[in-house]
């Protein structure tokens, strides 16, 4: 089975979207775990709910981050795989990530463009 057969699509945003809008995405969809950040339809990173609120939730985080663009909170090292990759290989790689990234979503691409 290929990873492209089991993808879910999450919202994608460009890198210039303000964190205030990212907050609205998360608060309006409580089951949303992350959003993908794209440049010309190619993923460049993602923002996970946990990482976002860890940054925003610091003493000065809200004032520092909410009016600014999302580049400050992007995790720019997500696991990205092509849609034809076998699920077994993707799961092996996913489970070997650092503990803080272990349960982050996997970004699936087709010819480098975001699909899910």
PDB file of N, CA and C in Angstrom:
ATOM      1  N   UNK A   1       0.844  -1.178   0.000  1.00  0.00           N
ATOM      2  CA  UNK A   1       0.000   0.000   0.000  1.00  0.00           C
ATOM      3  C   UNK A   1       0.894   1.248   0.000  1.00  0.00           C
ATOM      4  N   UNK A   2       0.485   2.232  -0.742  1.00  0.00           N
ATOM      5  CA  UNK A   2       1.247   3.480  -0.875  1.00  0.00           C
ATOM      6  C   UNK A   2       0.661   4.550   0.045  1.00  0.00           C
ATOM      7  N   UNK A   3       1.516   5.468   0.499  1.00  0.00           N
ATOM      8  CA  UNK A   3       1.087   6.527   1.410  1.00  0.00           C
ATOM      9  C   UNK A   3       0.022   7.419   0.766  1.00  0.00           C
ATOM     10  N   UNK A   4       0.081   7.607  -0.529  1.00  0.00           N
ATOM     11  CA  UNK A   4      -0.892   8.444  -1.230  1.00  0.00           C
ATOM     12  C   UNK A   4      -2.310   7.906  -1.188  1.00  0.00           C
ATOM     13  N   UNK A   5      -2.469   6.628  -0.813  1.00  0.00           N
ATOM     14  CA  UNK A   5      -3.798   6.028  -0.736  1.00  0.00           C
ATOM     15  C   UNK A   5      -4.514   6.358   0.568  1.00  0.00           C
ATOM     16  N   UNK A   6      -3.803   6.908   1.544  1.00  0.00           N
ATOM     17  CA  UNK A   6      -4.411   7.157   2.859  1.00  0.00           C
ATOM     18  C   UNK A   6      -4.235   8.606   3.327  1.00  0.00           C
ATOM     19  N   UNK A   7      -4.012   9.509   2.409  1.00  0.00           N
ATOM     20  CA  UNK A   7      -3.762  10.895   2.814  1.00  0.00           C
ATOM     21  C   UNK A   7      -5.037  11.605   3.243  1.00  0.00           C
ATOM     22  N   UNK A   8      -4.852  12.571   4.112  1.00  0.00           N
ATOM     23  CA  UNK A   8      -5.892  13.527   4.477  1.00  0.00           C
ATOM     24  C   UNK A   8      -5.348  14.895   4.095  1.00  0.00           C
ATOM     25  N   UNK A   9      -6.226  15.745   3.625  1.00  0.00           N
ATOM     26  CA  UNK A   9      -5.796  17.086   3.263  1.00  0.00           C
ATOM     27  C   UNK A   9      -6.048  18.025   4.428  1.00  0.00           C
ATOM     28  N   UNK A  10      -5.034  18.791   4.783  1.00  0.00           N
ATOM     29  CA  UNK A  10      -5.174  19.828   5.802  1.00  0.00           C
ATOM     30  C   UNK A  10      -4.978  21.168   5.108  1.00  0.00           C
ATOM     31  N   UNK A  11      -5.428  22.243   5.734  1.00  0.00           N
ATOM     32  CA  UNK A  11      -5.260  23.553   5.098  1.00  0.00           C
ATOM     33  C   UNK A  11      -3.780  23.852   4.828  1.00  0.00           C
ATOM     34  N   UNK A  12      -3.544  24.538   3.732  1.00  0.00           N
ATOM     35  CA  UNK A  12      -2.195  25.019   3.469  1.00  0.00           C
ATOM     36  C   UNK A  12      -2.270  26.542   3.336  1.00  0.00           C
ATOM     37  N   UNK A  13      -1.202  27.169   3.763  1.00  0.00           N
ATOM     38  CA  UNK A  13      -1.114  28.629   3.754  1.00  0.00           C
ATOM     39  C   UNK A  13       0.237  29.021   3.185  1.00  0.00           C
ATOM     40  N   UNK A  14       0.339  30.257   2.741  1.00  0.00           N
ATOM     41  CA  UNK A  14       1.669  30.700   2.311  1.00  0.00           C
ATOM     42  C   UNK A  14       2.429  31.251   3.513  1.00  0.00           C
ATOM     43  N   UNK A  15       3.699  31.459   3.326  1.00  0.00           N
ATOM     44  CA  UNK A  15       4.581  31.833   4.425  1.00  0.00           C
ATOM     45  C   UNK A  15       4.351  33.239   4.956  1.00  0.00           C
ATOM     46  N   UNK A  16       3.516  34.017   4.296  1.00  0.00           N
ATOM     47  CA  UNK A  16       3.300  35.398   4.717  1.00  0.00           C
ATOM     48  C   UNK A  16       1.995  35.585   5.495  1.00  0.00           C
ATOM     49  N   UNK A  17       1.257  34.513   5.683  1.00  0.00           N
ATOM     50  CA  UNK A  17       0.034  34.584   6.478  1.00  0.00           C
ATOM     51  C   UNK A  17       0.413  34.923   7.918  1.00  0.00           C
ATOM     52  N   UNK A  18      -0.337  35.814   8.516  1.00  0.00           N
ATOM     53  CA  UNK A  18      -0.049  36.233   9.895  1.00  0.00           C
ATOM     54  C   UNK A  18      -0.473  35.149  10.882  1.00  0.00           C
ATOM     55  N   UNK A  19       0.230  35.092  11.991  1.00  0.00           N
ATOM     56  CA  UNK A  19      -0.054  34.105  13.029  1.00  0.00           C
ATOM     57  C   UNK A  19      -1.473  34.236  13.573  1.00  0.00           C
ATOM     58  N   UNK A  20      -2.033  35.415  13.531  1.00  0.00           N
ATOM     59  CA  UNK A  20      -3.418  35.622  13.967  1.00  0.00           C
ATOM     60  C   UNK A  20      -4.361  34.729  13.149  1.00  0.00           C
ATOM     61  N   UNK A  21      -4.080  34.605  11.847  1.00  0.00           N
ATOM     62  CA  UNK A  21      -4.905  33.762  10.981  1.00  0.00           C
ATOM     63  C   UNK A  21      -4.669  32.278  11.253  1.00  0.00           C
ATOM     64  N   UNK A  22      -3.427  31.919  11.594  1.00  0.00           N
ATOM     65  CA  UNK A  22      -3.128  30.535  11.966  1.00  0.00           C
ATOM     66  C   UNK A  22      -3.911  30.177  13.231  1.00  0.00           C
ATOM     67  N   UNK A  23      -3.935  31.094  14.187  1.00  0.00           N
ATOM     68  CA  UNK A  23      -4.694  30.885  15.418  1.00  0.00           C
ATOM     69  C   UNK A  23      -6.172  30.653  15.099  1.00  0.00           C
ATOM     70  N   UNK A  24      -6.733  31.422  14.178  1.00  0.00           N
ATOM     71  CA  UNK A  24      -8.140  31.237  13.785  1.00  0.00           C
ATOM     72  C   UNK A  24      -8.376  29.867  13.159  1.00  0.00           C
ATOM     73  N   UNK A  25      -7.440  29.405  12.342  1.00  0.00           N
ATOM     74  CA  UNK A  25      -7.573  28.062  11.757  1.00  0.00           C
ATOM     75  C   UNK A  25      -7.663  27.012  12.854  1.00  0.00           C
ATOM     76  N   UNK A  26      -6.779  27.117  13.840  1.00  0.00           N
ATOM     77  CA  UNK A  26      -6.766  26.131  14.924  1.00  0.00           C
ATOM     78  C   UNK A  26      -7.995  26.259  15.829  1.00  0.00           C
ATOM     79  N   UNK A  27      -8.402  27.469  16.152  1.00  0.00           N
ATOM     80  CA  UNK A  27      -9.545  27.627  17.058  1.00  0.00           C
ATOM     81  C   UNK A  27     -10.869  27.290  16.378  1.00  0.00           C
ATOM     82  N   UNK A  28     -10.955  27.462  15.068  1.00  0.00           N
ATOM     83  CA  UNK A  28     -12.185  27.122  14.348  1.00  0.00           C
ATOM     84  C   UNK A  28     -12.280  25.647  13.978  1.00  0.00           C
ATOM     85  N   UNK A  29     -11.198  24.909  14.127  1.00  0.00           N
ATOM     86  CA  UNK A  29     -11.202  23.476  13.820  1.00  0.00           C
ATOM     87  C   UNK A  29     -10.385  22.763  14.895  1.00  0.00           C
ATOM     88  N   UNK A  30     -11.050  22.347  15.939  1.00  0.00           N
ATOM     89  CA  UNK A  30     -10.362  21.774  17.097  1.00  0.00           C
ATOM     90  C   UNK A  30      -9.658  20.456  16.803  1.00  0.00           C
ATOM     91  N   UNK A  31     -10.031  19.771  15.742  1.00  0.00           N
ATOM     92  CA  UNK A  31      -9.365  18.507  15.412  1.00  0.00           C
ATOM     93  C   UNK A  31      -8.159  18.701  14.492  1.00  0.00           C
ATOM     94  N   UNK A  32      -7.931  19.921  14.038  1.00  0.00           N
ATOM     95  CA  UNK A  32      -6.803  20.221  13.154  1.00  0.00           C
ATOM     96  C   UNK A  32      -5.504  20.165  13.936  1.00  0.00           C
ATOM     97  N   UNK A  33      -4.592  19.293  13.512  1.00  0.00           N
ATOM     98  CA  UNK A  33      -3.319  19.115  14.222  1.00  0.00           C
ATOM     99  C   UNK A  33      -2.201  19.978  13.656  1.00  0.00           C
ATOM    100  N   UNK A  34      -2.303  20.327  12.374  1.00  0.00           N
ATOM    101  CA  UNK A  34      -1.258  21.139  11.760  1.00  0.00           C
ATOM    102  C   UNK A  34      -1.769  21.770  10.478  1.00  0.00           C
ATOM    103  N   UNK A  35      -1.028  22.780  10.026  1.00  0.00           N
ATOM    104  CA  UNK A  35      -1.260  23.377   8.713  1.00  0.00           C
ATOM    105  C   UNK A  35       0.068  23.327   7.961  1.00  0.00           C
ATOM    106  N   UNK A  36      -0.022  23.171   6.671  1.00  0.00           N
ATOM    107  CA  UNK A  36       1.173  23.090   5.833  1.00  0.00           C
ATOM    108  C   UNK A  36       1.456  24.469   5.256  1.00  0.00           C
ATOM    109  N   UNK A  37       2.720  24.853   5.282  1.00  0.00           N
ATOM    110  CA  UNK A  37       3.140  26.132   4.723  1.00  0.00           C
ATOM    111  C   UNK A  37       3.761  25.850   3.356  1.00  0.00           C
ATOM    112  N   UNK A  38       3.242  26.534   2.343  1.00  0.00           N
ATOM    113  CA  UNK A  38       3.693  26.288   0.972  1.00  0.00           C
ATOM    114  C   UNK A  38       4.232  27.562   0.335  1.00  0.00           C
ATOM    115  N   UNK A  39       5.114  27.351  -0.608  1.00  0.00           N
ATOM    116  CA  UNK A  39       5.607  28.425  -1.481  1.00  0.00           C
ATOM    117  C   UNK A  39       5.453  27.890  -2.900  1.00  0.00           C
ATOM    118  N   UNK A  40       4.617  28.526  -3.685  1.00  0.00           N
ATOM    119  CA  UNK A  40       4.334  28.071  -5.051  1.00  0.00           C
ATOM    120  C   UNK A  40       3.862  26.613  -5.072  1.00  0.00           C
ATOM    121  N   UNK A  41       2.963  26.277  -4.150  1.00  0.00           N
ATOM    122  CA  UNK A  41       2.358  24.953  -4.013  1.00  0.00           C
ATOM    123  C   UNK A  41       3.319  23.872  -3.538  1.00  0.00           C
ATOM    124  N   UNK A  42       4.553  24.243  -3.231  1.00  0.00           N
ATOM    125  CA  UNK A  42       5.539  23.293  -2.716  1.00  0.00           C
ATOM    126  C   UNK A  42       5.669  23.491  -1.209  1.00  0.00           C
ATOM    127  N   UNK A  43       5.535  22.423  -0.426  1.00  0.00           N
ATOM    128  CA  UNK A  43       5.642  22.570   1.023  1.00  0.00           C
ATOM    129  C   UNK A  43       7.044  22.988   1.448  1.00  0.00           C
ATOM    130  N   UNK A  44       7.097  23.965   2.348  1.00  0.00           N
ATOM    131  CA  UNK A  44       8.392  24.391   2.894  1.00  0.00           C
ATOM    132  C   UNK A  44       8.453  24.133   4.393  1.00  0.00           C
ATOM    133  N   UNK A  45       7.345  23.710   4.967  1.00  0.00           N
ATOM    134  CA  UNK A  45       7.301  23.416   6.389  1.00  0.00           C
ATOM    135  C   UNK A  45       5.864  23.256   6.845  1.00  0.00           C
ATOM    136  N   UNK A  46       5.713  23.140   8.142  1.00  0.00           N
ATOM    137  CA  UNK A  46       4.368  23.076   8.690  1.00  0.00           C
ATOM    138  C   UNK A  46       4.345  23.712  10.072  1.00  0.00           C
ATOM    139  N   UNK A  47       3.151  24.003  10.515  1.00  0.00           N
ATOM    140  CA  UNK A  47       2.961  24.564  11.847  1.00  0.00           C
ATOM    141  C   UNK A  47       2.058  23.595  12.587  1.00  0.00           C
ATOM    142  N   UNK A  48       2.587  22.980  13.625  1.00  0.00           N
ATOM    143  CA  UNK A  48       1.761  22.070  14.405  1.00  0.00           C
ATOM    144  C   UNK A  48       1.059  22.856  15.504  1.00  0.00           C
ATOM    145  N   UNK A  49      -0.108  22.387  15.875  1.00  0.00           N
ATOM    146  CA  UNK A  49      -0.880  23.032  16.937  1.00  0.00           C
ATOM    147  C   UNK A  49      -0.039  23.136  18.215  1.00  0.00           C
ATOM    148  N   UNK A  50       0.607  22.055  18.592  1.00  0.00           N
ATOM    149  CA  UNK A  50       1.387  22.033  19.829  1.00  0.00           C
ATOM    150  C   UNK A  50       2.527  23.045  19.788  1.00  0.00           C
ATOM    151  N   UNK A  51       3.304  23.030  18.723  1.00  0.00           N
ATOM    152  CA  UNK A  51       4.440  23.938  18.594  1.00  0.00           C
ATOM    153  C   UNK A  51       3.970  25.397  18.560  1.00  0.00           C
ATOM    154  N   UNK A  52       2.886  25.649  17.830  1.00  0.00           N
ATOM    155  CA  UNK A  52       2.353  27.004  17.708  1.00  0.00           C
ATOM    156  C   UNK A  52       1.985  27.560  19.078  1.00  0.00           C
ATOM    157  N   UNK A  53       1.222  26.795  19.845  1.00  0.00           N
ATOM    158  CA  UNK A  53       0.772  27.310  21.144  1.00  0.00           C
ATOM    159  C   UNK A  53       1.878  27.307  22.197  1.00  0.00           C
ATOM    160  N   UNK A  54       2.906  26.485  22.000  1.00  0.00           N
ATOM    161  CA  UNK A  54       4.073  26.588  22.888  1.00  0.00           C
ATOM    162  C   UNK A  54       4.775  27.923  22.658  1.00  0.00           C
ATOM    163  N   UNK A  55       4.895  28.338  21.409  1.00  0.00           N
ATOM    164  CA  UNK A  55       5.528  29.625  21.090  1.00  0.00           C
ATOM    165  C   UNK A  55       4.665  30.797  21.554  1.00  0.00           C
ATOM    166  N   UNK A  56       3.388  30.753  21.230  1.00  0.00           N
ATOM    167  CA  UNK A  56       2.473  31.840  21.559  1.00  0.00           C
ATOM    168  C   UNK A  56       2.246  31.937  23.067  1.00  0.00           C
ATOM    169  N   UNK A  57       2.298  30.806  23.737  1.00  0.00           N
ATOM    170  CA  UNK A  57       1.968  30.762  25.155  1.00  0.00           C
ATOM    171  C   UNK A  57       3.059  31.201  26.111  1.00  0.00           C
ATOM    172  N   UNK A  58       4.188  31.619  25.591  1.00  0.00           N
ATOM    173  CA  UNK A  58       5.246  32.097  26.483  1.00  0.00           C
ATOM    174  C   UNK A  58       4.878  33.471  27.030  1.00  0.00           C
ATOM    175  N   UNK A  59       5.624  33.937  27.982  1.00  0.00           N
ATOM    176  CA  UNK A  59       5.306  35.184  28.672  1.00  0.00           C
ATOM    177  C   UNK A  59       5.015  36.356  27.722  1.00  0.00           C
ATOM    178  N   UNK A  60       5.854  36.525  26.708  1.00  0.00           N
ATOM    179  CA  UNK A  60       5.655  37.617  25.754  1.00  0.00           C
ATOM    180  C   UNK A  60       5.268  37.107  24.369  1.00  0.00           C
ATOM    181  N   UNK A  61       5.045  35.815  24.259  1.00  0.00           N
ATOM    182  CA  UNK A  61       4.800  35.201  22.962  1.00  0.00           C
ATOM    183  C   UNK A  61       3.644  35.777  22.187  1.00  0.00           C
ATOM    184  N   UNK A  62       2.532  35.992  22.872  1.00  0.00           N
ATOM    185  CA  UNK A  62       1.345  36.502  22.172  1.00  0.00           C
ATOM    186  C   UNK A  62       1.653  37.846  21.529  1.00  0.00           C
ATOM    187  N   UNK A  63       2.247  38.743  22.293  1.00  0.00           N
ATOM    188  CA  UNK A  63       2.571  40.078  21.764  1.00  0.00           C
ATOM    189  C   UNK A  63       3.651  40.019  20.688  1.00  0.00           C
ATOM    190  N   UNK A  64       4.591  39.103  20.825  1.00  0.00           N
ATOM    191  CA  UNK A  64       5.683  38.992  19.855  1.00  0.00           C
ATOM    192  C   UNK A  64       5.237  38.386  18.529  1.00  0.00           C
ATOM    193  N   UNK A  65       4.377  37.379  18.587  1.00  0.00           N
ATOM    194  CA  UNK A  65       4.114  36.573  17.399  1.00  0.00           C
ATOM    195  C   UNK A  65       2.792  36.831  16.682  1.00  0.00           C
ATOM    196  N   UNK A  66       1.736  37.201  17.373  1.00  0.00           N
ATOM    197  CA  UNK A  66       0.409  37.185  16.758  1.00  0.00           C
ATOM    198  C   UNK A  66       0.256  38.130  15.565  1.00  0.00           C
ATOM    199  N   UNK A  67       0.861  39.284  15.574  1.00  0.00           N
ATOM    200  CA  UNK A  67       0.725  40.207  14.455  1.00  0.00           C
ATOM    201  C   UNK A  67       1.747  40.004  13.357  1.00  0.00           C
ATOM    202  N   UNK A  68       2.611  39.008  13.535  1.00  0.00           N
ATOM    203  CA  UNK A  68       3.696  38.803  12.573  1.00  0.00           C
ATOM    204  C   UNK A  68       3.422  37.616  11.664  1.00  0.00           C
ATOM    205  N   UNK A  69       4.224  37.533  10.602  1.00  0.00           N
ATOM    206  CA  UNK A  69       4.070  36.443   9.638  1.00  0.00           C
ATOM    207  C   UNK A  69       4.528  35.129  10.264  1.00  0.00           C
ATOM    208  N   UNK A  70       4.030  34.041   9.705  1.00  0.00           N
ATOM    209  CA  UNK A  70       4.239  32.730  10.313  1.00  0.00           C
ATOM    210  C   UNK A  70       5.642  32.148  10.169  1.00  0.00           C
ATOM    211  N   UNK A  71       6.546  32.821   9.475  1.00  0.00           N
ATOM    212  CA  UNK A  71       7.902  32.283   9.334  1.00  0.00           C
ATOM    213  C   UNK A  71       8.559  32.045  10.693  1.00  0.00           C
ATOM    214  N   UNK A  72       8.129  32.778  11.701  1.00  0.00           N
ATOM    215  CA  UNK A  72       8.731  32.665  13.029  1.00  0.00           C
ATOM    216  C   UNK A  72       8.327  31.397  13.767  1.00  0.00           C
ATOM    217  N   UNK A  73       7.265  30.752  13.338  1.00  0.00           N
ATOM    218  CA  UNK A  73       6.797  29.557  14.048  1.00  0.00           C
ATOM    219  C   UNK A  73       6.759  28.310  13.166  1.00  0.00           C
ATOM    220  N   UNK A  74       7.233  28.416  11.952  1.00  0.00           N
ATOM    221  CA  UNK A  74       7.254  27.260  11.051  1.00  0.00           C
ATOM    222  C   UNK A  74       8.278  26.242  11.544  1.00  0.00           C
ATOM    223  N   UNK A  75       7.872  24.982  11.513  1.00  0.00           N
ATOM    224  CA  UNK A  75       8.829  23.892  11.681  1.00  0.00           C
ATOM    225  C   UNK A  75       9.275  23.558  10.256  1.00  0.00           C
ATOM    226  N   UNK A  76      10.518  23.884   9.943  1.00  0.00           N
ATOM    227  CA  UNK A  76      10.967  23.763   8.552  1.00  0.00           C
ATOM    228  C   UNK A  76      11.682  22.448   8.248  1.00  0.00           C
ATOM    229  N   UNK A  77      11.485  21.452   9.113  1.00  0.00           N
ATOM    230  CA  UNK A  77      12.121  20.160   8.882  1.00  0.00           C
ATOM    231  C   UNK A  77      11.120  19.008   8.891  1.00  0.00           C
ATOM    232  N   UNK A  78       9.916  19.189   8.315  1.00  0.00           N
ATOM    233  CA  UNK A  78       8.931  18.106   8.391  1.00  0.00           C
ATOM    234  C   UNK A  78       9.339  16.918   7.524  1.00  0.00           C
ATOM    235  N   UNK A  79       8.782  15.777   7.858  1.00  0.00           N
ATOM    236  CA  UNK A  79       8.974  14.605   7.027  1.00  0.00           C
ATOM    237  C   UNK A  79       8.085  14.769   5.808  1.00  0.00           C
ATOM    238  N   UNK A  80       8.702  14.831   4.620  1.00  0.00           N
ATOM    239  CA  UNK A  80       7.969  14.948   3.354  1.00  0.00           C
ATOM    240  C   UNK A  80       8.304  13.746   2.494  1.00  0.00           C
ATOM    241  N   UNK A  81       7.267  13.137   1.948  1.00  0.00           N
ATOM    242  CA  UNK A  81       7.453  11.956   1.100  1.00  0.00           C
ATOM    243  C   UNK A  81       6.589  12.083  -0.145  1.00  0.00           C
ATOM    244  N   UNK A  82       6.991  11.412  -1.191  1.00  0.00           N
ATOM    245  CA  UNK A  82       6.194  11.372  -2.417  1.00  0.00           C
ATOM    246  C   UNK A  82       5.038  10.390  -2.246  1.00  0.00           C
ATOM    247  N   UNK A  83       3.951  10.639  -2.954  1.00  0.00           N
ATOM    248  CA  UNK A  83       2.714   9.865  -2.806  1.00  0.00           C
ATOM    249  C   UNK A  83       2.878   8.375  -3.078  1.00  0.00           C
ATOM    250  N   UNK A  84       3.882   7.985  -3.827  1.00  0.00           N
ATOM    251  CA  UNK A  84       4.068   6.579  -4.191  1.00  0.00           C
ATOM    252  C   UNK A  84       4.931   5.806  -3.190  1.00  0.00           C
ATOM    253  N   UNK A  85       5.380   6.464  -2.128  1.00  0.00           N
ATOM    254  CA  UNK A  85       6.220   5.784  -1.127  1.00  0.00           C
ATOM    255  C   UNK A  85       5.396   4.739  -0.365  1.00  0.00           C
ATOM    256  N   UNK A  86       5.967   3.558  -0.135  1.00  0.00           N
ATOM    257  CA  UNK A  86       5.263   2.528   0.627  1.00  0.00           C
ATOM    258  C   UNK A  86       5.027   2.967   2.077  1.00  0.00           C
ATOM    259  N   UNK A  87       3.841   2.688   2.582  1.00  0.00           N
ATOM    260  CA  UNK A  87       3.486   3.074   3.945  1.00  0.00           C
ATOM    261  C   UNK A  87       4.474   2.497   4.963  1.00  0.00           C
ATOM    262  N   UNK A  88       4.926   1.283   4.748  1.00  0.00           N
ATOM    263  CA  UNK A  88       5.853   0.664   5.705  1.00  0.00           C
ATOM    264  C   UNK A  88       7.155   1.442   5.811  1.00  0.00           C
ATOM    265  N   UNK A  89       7.657   1.915   4.677  1.00  0.00           N
ATOM    266  CA  UNK A  89       8.892   2.703   4.701  1.00  0.00           C
ATOM    267  C   UNK A  89       8.663   4.052   5.375  1.00  0.00           C
ATOM    268  N   UNK A  90       7.539   4.697   5.071  1.00  0.00           N
ATOM    269  CA  UNK A  90       7.229   5.999   5.663  1.00  0.00           C
ATOM    270  C   UNK A  90       7.082   5.862   7.179  1.00  0.00           C
ATOM    271  N   UNK A  91       6.408   4.812   7.637  1.00  0.00           N
ATOM    272  CA  UNK A  91       6.223   4.638   9.079  1.00  0.00           C
ATOM    273  C   UNK A  91       7.544   4.371   9.784  1.00  0.00           C
ATOM    274  N   UNK A  92       8.441   3.650   9.154  1.00  0.00           N
ATOM    275  CA  UNK A  92       9.757   3.405   9.747  1.00  0.00           C
ATOM    276  C   UNK A  92      10.532   4.709   9.901  1.00  0.00           C
ATOM    277  N   UNK A  93      10.529   5.519   8.859  1.00  0.00           N
ATOM    278  CA  UNK A  93      11.220   6.810   8.910  1.00  0.00           C
ATOM    279  C   UNK A  93      10.550   7.726   9.930  1.00  0.00           C
ATOM    280  N   UNK A  94       9.220   7.753   9.931  1.00  0.00           N
ATOM    281  CA  UNK A  94       8.478   8.622  10.852  1.00  0.00           C
ATOM    282  C   UNK A  94       8.792   8.286  12.303  1.00  0.00           C
ATOM    283  N   UNK A  95       8.892   7.018  12.620  1.00  0.00           N
ATOM    284  CA  UNK A  95       9.127   6.607  14.006  1.00  0.00           C
ATOM    285  C   UNK A  95      10.593   6.770  14.427  1.00  0.00           C
ATOM    286  N   UNK A  96      11.459   7.122  13.500  1.00  0.00           N
ATOM    287  CA  UNK A  96      12.862   7.353  13.854  1.00  0.00           C
ATOM    288  C   UNK A  96      13.183   8.840  14.005  1.00  0.00           C
ATOM    289  N   UNK A  97      12.152   9.683  13.941  1.00  0.00           N
ATOM    290  CA  UNK A  97      12.360  11.125  14.115  1.00  0.00           C
ATOM    291  C   UNK A  97      12.670  11.434  15.579  1.00  0.00           C
ATOM    292  N   UNK A  98      13.214  12.630  15.839  1.00  0.00           N
ATOM    293  CA  UNK A  98      13.473  13.037  17.224  1.00  0.00           C
ATOM    294  C   UNK A  98      12.166  13.044  18.031  1.00  0.00           C
ATOM    295  N   UNK A  99      12.253  12.831  19.344  1.00  0.00           N
ATOM    296  CA  UNK A  99      11.043  12.741  20.174  1.00  0.00           C
ATOM    297  C   UNK A  99      10.087  13.919  20.021  1.00  0.00           C
ATOM    298  N   UNK A 100      10.604  15.129  19.880  1.00  0.00           N
ATOM    299  CA  UNK A 100       9.723  16.293  19.761  1.00  0.00           C
ATOM    300  C   UNK A 100       8.968  16.342  18.432  1.00  0.00           C
ATOM    301  N   UNK A 101       9.424  15.577  17.438  1.00  0.00           N
ATOM    302  CA  UNK A 101       8.779  15.549  16.121  1.00  0.00           C
ATOM    303  C   UNK A 101       8.066  14.224  15.845  1.00  0.00           C
ATOM    304  N   UNK A 102       8.153  13.296  16.757  1.00  0.00           N
ATOM    305  CA  UNK A 102       7.708  11.924  16.532  1.00  0.00           C
ATOM    306  C   UNK A 102       6.272  11.819  16.039  1.00  0.00           C
ATOM    307  N   UNK A 103       5.376  12.602  16.598  1.00  0.00           N
ATOM    308  CA  UNK A 103       3.965  12.481  16.230  1.00  0.00           C
ATOM    309  C   UNK A 103       3.478  13.602  15.314  1.00  0.00           C
ATOM    310  N   UNK A 104       4.405  14.340  14.719  1.00  0.00           N
ATOM    311  CA  UNK A 104       4.031  15.341  13.720  1.00  0.00           C
ATOM    312  C   UNK A 104       3.476  14.643  12.481  1.00  0.00           C
ATOM    313  N   UNK A 105       2.630  15.347  11.779  1.00  0.00           N
ATOM    314  CA  UNK A 105       2.087  14.803  10.533  1.00  0.00           C
ATOM    315  C   UNK A 105       3.188  14.643   9.494  1.00  0.00           C
ATOM    316  N   UNK A 106       2.929  13.779   8.531  1.00  0.00           N
ATOM    317  CA  UNK A 106       3.819  13.565   7.397  1.00  0.00           C
ATOM    318  C   UNK A 106       3.203  14.301   6.213  1.00  0.00           C
ATOM    319  N   UNK A 107       4.007  15.071   5.505  1.00  0.00           N
ATOM    320  CA  UNK A 107       3.524  15.804   4.332  1.00  0.00           C
ATOM    321  C   UNK A 107       3.752  14.938   3.098  1.00  0.00           C
ATOM    322  N   UNK A 108       2.685  14.788   2.317  1.00  0.00           N
ATOM    323  CA  UNK A 108       2.753  13.967   1.106  1.00  0.00           C
ATOM    324  C   UNK A 108       2.713  14.888  -0.110  1.00  0.00           C
ATOM    325  N   UNK A 109       3.613  14.615  -1.051  1.00  0.00           N
ATOM    326  CA  UNK A 109       3.713  15.425  -2.264  1.00  0.00           C
ATOM    327  C   UNK A 109       3.545  14.544  -3.507  1.00  0.00           C
ATOM    328  N   UNK A 110       3.239  15.191  -4.611  1.00  0.00           N
ATOM    329  CA  UNK A 110       3.248  14.530  -5.922  1.00  0.00           C
ATOM    330  C   UNK A 110       4.069  15.439  -6.809  1.00  0.00           C
ATOM    331  N   UNK A 111       5.227  14.933  -7.238  1.00  0.00           N
ATOM    332  CA  UNK A 111       6.161  15.731  -8.032  1.00  0.00           C
ATOM    333  C   UNK A 111       6.546  17.012  -7.289  1.00  0.00           C
ATOM    334  N   UNK A 112       6.682  16.918  -5.982  1.00  0.00           N
ATOM    335  CA  UNK A 112       7.101  18.053  -5.166  1.00  0.00           C
ATOM    336  C   UNK A 112       5.997  19.005  -4.756  1.00  0.00           C
ATOM    337  N   UNK A 113       4.780  18.826  -5.278  1.00  0.00           N
ATOM    338  CA  UNK A 113       3.650  19.700  -4.938  1.00  0.00           C
ATOM    339  C   UNK A 113       2.822  19.059  -3.823  1.00  0.00           C
ATOM    340  N   UNK A 114       2.303  19.877  -2.933  1.00  0.00           N
ATOM    341  CA  UNK A 114       1.534  19.408  -1.783  1.00  0.00           C
ATOM    342  C   UNK A 114       0.246  18.713  -2.213  1.00  0.00           C
ATOM    343  N   UNK A 115      -0.002  17.505  -1.659  1.00  0.00           N
ATOM    344  CA  UNK A 115      -1.271  16.817  -1.901  1.00  0.00           C
ATOM    345  C   UNK A 115      -1.971  16.414  -0.615  1.00  0.00           C
ATOM    346  N   UNK A 116      -1.251  16.310   0.485  1.00  0.00           N
ATOM    347  CA  UNK A 116      -1.926  15.940   1.736  1.00  0.00           C
ATOM    348  C   UNK A 116      -0.977  15.705   2.879  1.00  0.00           C
TER     349      UNK A 116
END
